[in-house]
Amino acid sequence: MLRSNPKNEVDTLVLSFWDKGYSTLNRKYGNYLSDPPRIGSYDIEVLARTGEGYAIGIILSEEELVNGPDISKIRFLASRTSRKNGSPVKLFIGVPEDKVQQVRRILKLNLPGLMQNIFIIRLDEQENTLLPEKKRDYRINRYIN
């Protein structure tokens, strides 16, 4: 499976953040928001915040899925805590829909204690479905930063 447009993948990840009540602070490929900072030595796609804390969003590339996800990267990002109150930072991982079970199985075997901080987001090939069908075609680009 070829990787679809990276901007659309980040848009899907941002919509899943919005669905869980987070507001986007930084994101890649955004018109109005700046790129997120590097965390450690790793690039991230989205940085978001809610009243309770922060969340990080990454997307696993095809190369990472073929060779197996970088467990050290995921362990490092999933074990982050906020400086303010020490609450854990949630990690959202975007994965193509045909690889979700494989990634979930690998993470459960290698990171059993950190799975409570990890959310696996299915990156569908279809259009984002957060908006009604008749409004989706012309408003989706306006709402996404």
Protein backbone atom coordinates (compact mmCIF):
# COMPACT_ATOMS: atom_id res chain seq x y z
CA MET A 1 0.00 0.00 0.00
CA LEU A 2 1.40 3.36 -1.01
CA ARG A 3 1.35 6.15 1.51
CA SER A 4 -1.38 8.65 0.83
CA ASN A 5 -0.90 12.39 1.05
CA PRO A 6 0.98 13.16 4.31
CA LYS A 7 -1.09 16.32 4.85
CA ASN A 8 -4.30 14.25 4.77
CA GLU A 9 -2.82 11.82 7.29
CA VAL A 10 -1.96 14.67 9.66
CA ASP A 11 -5.46 16.12 9.10
CA THR A 12 -6.97 12.77 10.15
CA LEU A 13 -4.74 12.75 13.24
CA VAL A 14 -5.79 16.32 14.11
CA LEU A 15 -9.47 15.40 13.74
CA SER A 16 -9.00 12.51 16.15
CA PHE A 17 -7.43 14.94 18.64
CA TRP A 18 -10.41 17.26 18.26
CA ASP A 19 -12.77 14.32 18.73
CA LYS A 20 -11.16 13.60 22.12
CA GLY A 21 -11.34 17.25 23.24
CA TYR A 22 -7.79 18.41 22.51
CA SER A 23 -6.92 21.72 20.89
CA THR A 24 -4.01 21.77 18.47
CA LEU A 25 -0.93 23.79 19.48
CA ASN A 26 1.48 22.81 16.68
CA ARG A 27 1.15 20.63 13.60
CA LYS A 28 3.02 19.75 10.45
CA TYR A 29 1.68 20.95 7.08
CA GLY A 30 -0.49 23.60 8.74
CA ASN A 31 -1.42 26.96 7.24
CA TYR A 32 -1.58 28.92 10.49
CA LEU A 33 0.15 26.81 13.12
CA SER A 34 3.91 26.31 13.26
CA ASP A 35 5.65 22.95 13.01
CA PRO A 36 5.89 21.08 16.33
CA PRO A 37 9.20 21.03 18.18
CA ARG A 38 11.42 17.96 18.24
CA ILE A 39 11.01 15.91 21.39
CA GLY A 40 14.32 14.39 22.28
CA SER A 41 15.76 13.49 18.90
CA TYR A 42 12.40 12.56 17.38
CA ASP A 43 10.13 14.43 15.00
CA ILE A 44 6.44 14.55 15.82
CA GLU A 45 3.47 15.52 13.64
CA VAL A 46 1.07 17.11 16.17
CA LEU A 47 1.26 18.66 19.63
CA ALA A 48 -2.08 19.26 21.37
CA ARG A 49 -3.42 20.33 24.74
CA THR A 50 -6.53 19.81 26.81
CA GLY A 51 -7.41 20.91 30.32
CA GLU A 52 -5.86 17.79 31.85
CA GLY A 53 -2.61 17.76 29.91
CA TYR A 54 -0.78 17.39 26.64
CA ALA A 55 -0.75 14.89 23.80
CA ILE A 56 1.73 14.03 21.05
CA GLY A 57 0.80 12.68 17.63
CA ILE A 58 3.05 10.69 15.32
CA ILE A 59 2.45 8.78 12.10
CA LEU A 60 4.30 5.54 11.41
CA SER A 61 5.79 5.49 7.91
CA GLU A 62 5.68 2.52 5.55
CA GLU A 63 9.38 1.84 6.20
CA GLU A 64 8.77 1.69 9.94
CA LEU A 65 5.85 -0.68 9.43
CA VAL A 66 7.85 -3.01 7.16
CA ASN A 67 10.85 -3.13 9.50
CA GLY A 68 8.72 -3.05 12.65
CA PRO A 69 7.97 0.14 14.60
CA ASP A 70 10.83 1.82 16.42
CA ILE A 71 10.04 0.65 19.96
CA SER A 72 12.63 2.94 21.55
CA LYS A 73 11.00 6.00 19.90
CA ILE A 74 7.52 4.96 21.01
CA ARG A 75 8.74 4.12 24.53
CA PHE A 76 10.46 7.51 24.83
CA LEU A 77 7.44 9.49 23.60
CA ALA A 78 4.88 7.47 25.59
CA SER A 79 6.79 7.88 28.84
CA ARG A 80 6.85 11.71 28.71
CA THR A 81 5.32 13.67 31.56
CA SER A 82 4.38 17.33 31.68
CA ARG A 83 6.69 19.71 33.49
CA LYS A 84 3.83 21.56 35.15
CA ASN A 85 2.12 18.81 37.14
CA GLY A 86 3.87 15.59 36.15
CA SER A 87 0.82 14.12 34.42
CA PRO A 88 1.55 11.63 31.63
CA VAL A 89 1.52 12.91 28.05
CA LYS A 90 -0.72 10.82 25.78
CA LEU A 91 0.71 9.45 22.54
CA PHE A 92 -1.50 9.13 19.46
CA ILE A 93 -0.03 6.89 16.76
CA GLY A 94 -1.45 7.10 13.23
CA VAL A 95 -1.37 3.77 11.41
CA PRO A 96 -2.90 2.66 8.07
CA GLU A 97 -6.06 0.65 8.69
CA ASP A 98 -4.64 -2.63 7.41
CA LYS A 99 -1.73 -2.50 9.90
CA VAL A 100 -3.60 -1.54 13.09
CA GLN A 101 -3.81 -5.04 14.57
CA GLN A 102 -0.17 -5.77 13.79
CA VAL A 103 1.03 -2.57 15.50
CA ARG A 104 -1.28 -3.09 18.49
CA ARG A 105 0.05 -6.64 18.96
CA ILE A 106 3.69 -5.50 18.77
CA LEU A 107 3.12 -2.68 21.26
CA LYS A 108 1.25 -4.90 23.73
CA LEU A 109 4.14 -7.37 23.70
CA ASN A 110 6.91 -4.79 24.05
CA LEU A 111 5.30 -1.96 26.05
CA PRO A 112 2.64 -3.46 28.35
CA GLY A 113 3.02 -0.80 31.06
CA LEU A 114 2.74 2.14 28.65
CA MET A 115 -0.32 1.03 26.68
CA GLN A 116 -2.56 3.20 28.89
CA ASN A 117 -0.81 6.29 27.41
CA ILE A 118 -0.96 5.10 23.78
CA PHE A 119 -3.89 5.51 21.38
CA ILE A 120 -3.69 3.91 17.95
CA ILE A 121 -5.51 5.98 15.31
CA ARG A 122 -6.72 4.30 12.13
CA LEU A 123 -5.76 6.35 9.06
CA ASP A 124 -8.52 5.54 6.59
CA GLU A 125 -8.12 5.92 2.87
CA GLN A 126 -11.53 7.58 2.73
CA GLU A 127 -12.34 11.21 3.41
CA ASN A 128 -12.46 12.41 7.03
CA THR A 129 -15.95 11.78 8.42
CA LEU A 130 -16.18 14.22 11.30
CA LEU A 131 -18.35 16.65 9.33
CA PRO A 132 -21.69 15.80 7.70
CA GLU A 133 -21.52 14.55 4.10
CA LYS A 134 -22.96 17.66 2.45
CA LYS A 135 -20.65 20.05 4.34
CA ARG A 136 -17.50 17.96 4.17
CA ASP A 137 -16.49 18.81 0.60
CA TYR A 138 -16.10 22.56 0.97
CA ARG A 139 -15.59 23.14 4.71
CA ILE A 140 -13.02 20.53 5.67
CA ASN A 141 -10.07 22.64 4.52
CA ARG A 142 -11.33 25.75 6.28
CA TYR A 143 -11.56 24.09 9.72
CA ILE A 144 -8.20 22.37 9.68
CA ASN A 145 -5.31 24.67 10.54
